[in-house]
């Protein structure tokens, strides 16, 4: 709040321009949450069923976890993850705002907490480098590639 601004001016500015949002760019990137609350992220390009066991392992670690899913993605990409979250009765939210991108580098899934956990690394491929991935199976295309008819 700028100094010298009266309560009336603050109210008028908030009405005209909206309430200033804390770390808006960060929240858009992490599907509406702060980076400090994130346990794990999965990018759109990483949406492969090979990551489902890791996803399942992460969501059942504690009861305070919430799964944020980019709802702008094709249902075929996110359905396996929705199914696993529902099987374990883990709360999830589909984020469908226009600010959530669907490029290969955009986040598709974020596992988050309601308070800060401050983990140094949250990318699934970096946390679990030995997991079976499409790099281990060059004949397998990712779900993203199969939906967009790309061949390696």
Protein backbone atom coordinates (compact mmCIF):
# COMPACT_ATOMS: atom_id res chain seq x y z
CA UNK A 1 0.00 0.00 0.00
CA UNK A 2 1.49 3.35 -1.02
CA UNK A 3 2.10 5.74 1.83
CA UNK A 4 -0.30 8.66 2.16
CA UNK A 5 -3.17 6.74 0.61
CA UNK A 6 -6.35 7.06 2.63
CA UNK A 7 -8.69 4.16 3.38
CA UNK A 8 -11.12 5.57 0.81
CA UNK A 9 -8.42 5.72 -1.88
CA UNK A 10 -7.35 2.14 -1.05
CA UNK A 11 -10.94 0.96 -1.34
CA UNK A 12 -11.48 2.79 -4.64
CA UNK A 13 -8.23 1.41 -6.11
CA UNK A 14 -9.13 -2.11 -5.03
CA UNK A 15 -12.57 -1.69 -6.63
CA UNK A 16 -11.15 -0.32 -9.88
CA UNK A 17 -8.09 -2.51 -10.32
CA UNK A 18 -8.78 -5.49 -8.07
CA UNK A 19 -6.98 -6.48 -4.94
CA UNK A 20 -3.24 -6.84 -5.62
CA UNK A 21 -2.34 -10.53 -5.71
CA UNK A 22 0.76 -11.85 -4.00
CA UNK A 23 3.16 -13.66 -6.39
CA UNK A 24 0.63 -13.85 -9.24
CA UNK A 25 3.10 -15.23 -11.82
CA UNK A 26 4.26 -17.96 -9.44
CA UNK A 27 0.67 -18.93 -8.63
CA UNK A 28 -0.21 -19.18 -12.34
CA UNK A 29 2.77 -21.45 -12.96
CA UNK A 30 1.95 -23.76 -10.04
CA UNK A 31 -1.77 -24.04 -10.85
CA UNK A 32 -2.91 -21.57 -8.24
CA UNK A 33 -0.60 -22.31 -5.33
CA UNK A 34 2.71 -20.98 -4.06
CA UNK A 35 5.96 -22.78 -4.93
CA UNK A 36 6.80 -23.16 -1.23
CA UNK A 37 3.77 -25.44 -0.78
CA UNK A 38 4.61 -27.83 -3.62
CA UNK A 39 5.63 -31.46 -3.08
CA UNK A 40 5.74 -32.61 -6.71
CA UNK A 41 5.11 -31.35 -10.23
CA UNK A 42 4.46 -33.16 -13.49
CA UNK A 43 4.77 -31.26 -16.77
CA UNK A 44 2.42 -31.83 -19.69
CA UNK A 45 5.22 -33.53 -21.66
CA UNK A 46 5.79 -35.91 -18.71
CA UNK A 47 2.21 -37.18 -18.61
CA UNK A 48 2.94 -40.83 -19.15
CA UNK A 49 1.42 -43.80 -17.39
CA UNK A 50 4.99 -44.70 -16.39
CA UNK A 51 4.76 -41.96 -13.75
CA UNK A 52 1.51 -43.26 -12.21
CA UNK A 53 3.22 -45.41 -9.52
CA UNK A 54 5.31 -42.42 -8.42
CA UNK A 55 2.24 -40.18 -8.42
CA UNK A 56 0.36 -42.73 -6.32
CA UNK A 57 3.27 -43.05 -3.89
CA UNK A 58 3.42 -39.28 -3.44
CA UNK A 59 -0.29 -38.66 -2.90
CA UNK A 60 -0.63 -41.27 -0.14
CA UNK A 61 2.37 -40.07 1.89
CA UNK A 62 0.22 -37.80 4.06
CA UNK A 63 -3.40 -36.77 4.41
CA UNK A 64 -2.77 -33.04 3.89
CA UNK A 65 -1.94 -33.38 0.20
CA UNK A 66 -4.09 -31.82 -2.48
CA UNK A 67 -3.71 -32.55 -6.18
CA UNK A 68 -4.11 -29.65 -8.61
CA UNK A 69 -4.71 -30.74 -12.19
CA UNK A 70 -4.64 -28.60 -15.31
CA UNK A 71 -8.22 -29.06 -16.50
CA UNK A 72 -7.47 -27.43 -19.85
CA UNK A 73 -5.72 -30.63 -20.95
CA UNK A 74 -7.41 -33.37 -22.91
CA UNK A 75 -9.32 -35.76 -20.68
CA UNK A 76 -7.35 -38.75 -22.02
CA UNK A 77 -4.15 -37.23 -20.62
CA UNK A 78 -5.37 -36.64 -17.08
CA UNK A 79 -7.92 -39.44 -16.63
CA UNK A 80 -5.42 -42.02 -15.26
CA UNK A 81 -4.25 -39.54 -12.63
CA UNK A 82 -7.81 -38.59 -11.70
CA UNK A 83 -8.65 -42.27 -11.30
CA UNK A 84 -5.70 -42.90 -8.94
CA UNK A 85 -6.52 -39.82 -6.85
CA UNK A 86 -10.16 -40.91 -6.58
CA UNK A 87 -9.17 -44.48 -5.64
CA UNK A 88 -7.17 -43.14 -2.71
CA UNK A 89 -9.82 -40.54 -1.82
CA UNK A 90 -7.30 -37.73 -2.24
CA UNK A 91 -8.79 -34.28 -2.79
CA UNK A 92 -8.13 -32.86 -6.22
CA UNK A 93 -9.07 -29.68 -8.05
CA UNK A 94 -9.26 -29.17 -11.79
CA UNK A 95 -7.90 -25.76 -12.78
CA UNK A 96 -9.53 -24.54 -15.99
CA UNK A 97 -8.76 -20.82 -16.10
CA UNK A 98 -7.35 -19.32 -19.27
CA UNK A 99 -4.12 -18.54 -17.40
CA UNK A 100 -3.24 -22.26 -17.23
CA UNK A 101 -1.30 -23.20 -20.36
CA UNK A 102 -1.14 -26.57 -22.12
CA UNK A 103 2.31 -26.38 -23.70
CA UNK A 104 4.66 -29.35 -23.11
CA UNK A 105 6.63 -27.36 -20.50
CA UNK A 106 3.52 -26.19 -18.61
CA UNK A 107 2.53 -27.96 -15.43
CA UNK A 108 -0.16 -30.60 -15.73
CA UNK A 109 -0.22 -31.80 -12.12
CA UNK A 110 0.89 -30.23 -8.86
CA UNK A 111 0.79 -32.06 -5.54
CA UNK A 112 0.59 -29.43 -2.84
CA UNK A 113 0.09 -28.83 0.86
CA UNK A 114 -1.98 -26.19 2.63
CA UNK A 115 1.14 -24.81 4.31
CA UNK A 116 4.76 -24.29 3.29
CA UNK A 117 6.95 -27.41 2.87
CA UNK A 118 9.89 -25.64 1.15
CA UNK A 119 11.31 -28.54 -0.85
CA UNK A 120 14.39 -27.81 -2.96
CA UNK A 121 13.33 -30.03 -5.86
CA UNK A 122 9.78 -30.80 -6.97
CA UNK A 123 10.07 -31.98 -10.60
CA UNK A 124 9.09 -35.65 -10.85
CA UNK A 125 11.87 -36.54 -13.30
CA UNK A 126 14.53 -35.01 -11.07
CA UNK A 127 13.14 -36.53 -7.87
CA UNK A 128 12.85 -40.00 -9.40
CA UNK A 129 15.57 -40.23 -12.07
CA UNK A 130 15.62 -44.03 -11.95
CA UNK A 131 11.91 -44.36 -12.64
CA UNK A 132 10.91 -46.02 -15.87
CA UNK A 133 10.38 -43.23 -18.36
CA UNK A 134 10.06 -42.84 -22.07
CA UNK A 135 13.84 -42.38 -22.25
CA UNK A 136 14.13 -45.98 -21.07
CA UNK A 137 11.60 -47.11 -23.68
CA UNK A 138 12.30 -45.27 -26.92
CA UNK A 139 9.59 -47.24 -28.72
CA UNK A 140 6.95 -45.80 -26.35
CA UNK A 141 5.66 -42.34 -27.09
CA UNK A 142 4.32 -40.20 -24.28
CA UNK A 143 0.60 -39.77 -23.97
CA UNK A 144 1.09 -36.21 -25.20
CA UNK A 145 2.86 -37.42 -28.36
CA UNK A 146 0.27 -40.12 -29.05
CA UNK A 147 -2.58 -37.63 -28.76
CA UNK A 148 -0.87 -35.27 -31.15
CA UNK A 149 0.26 -38.05 -33.52
CA UNK A 150 3.97 -37.42 -33.12
CA UNK A 151 6.41 -40.24 -33.65
CA UNK A 152 9.94 -40.39 -32.30
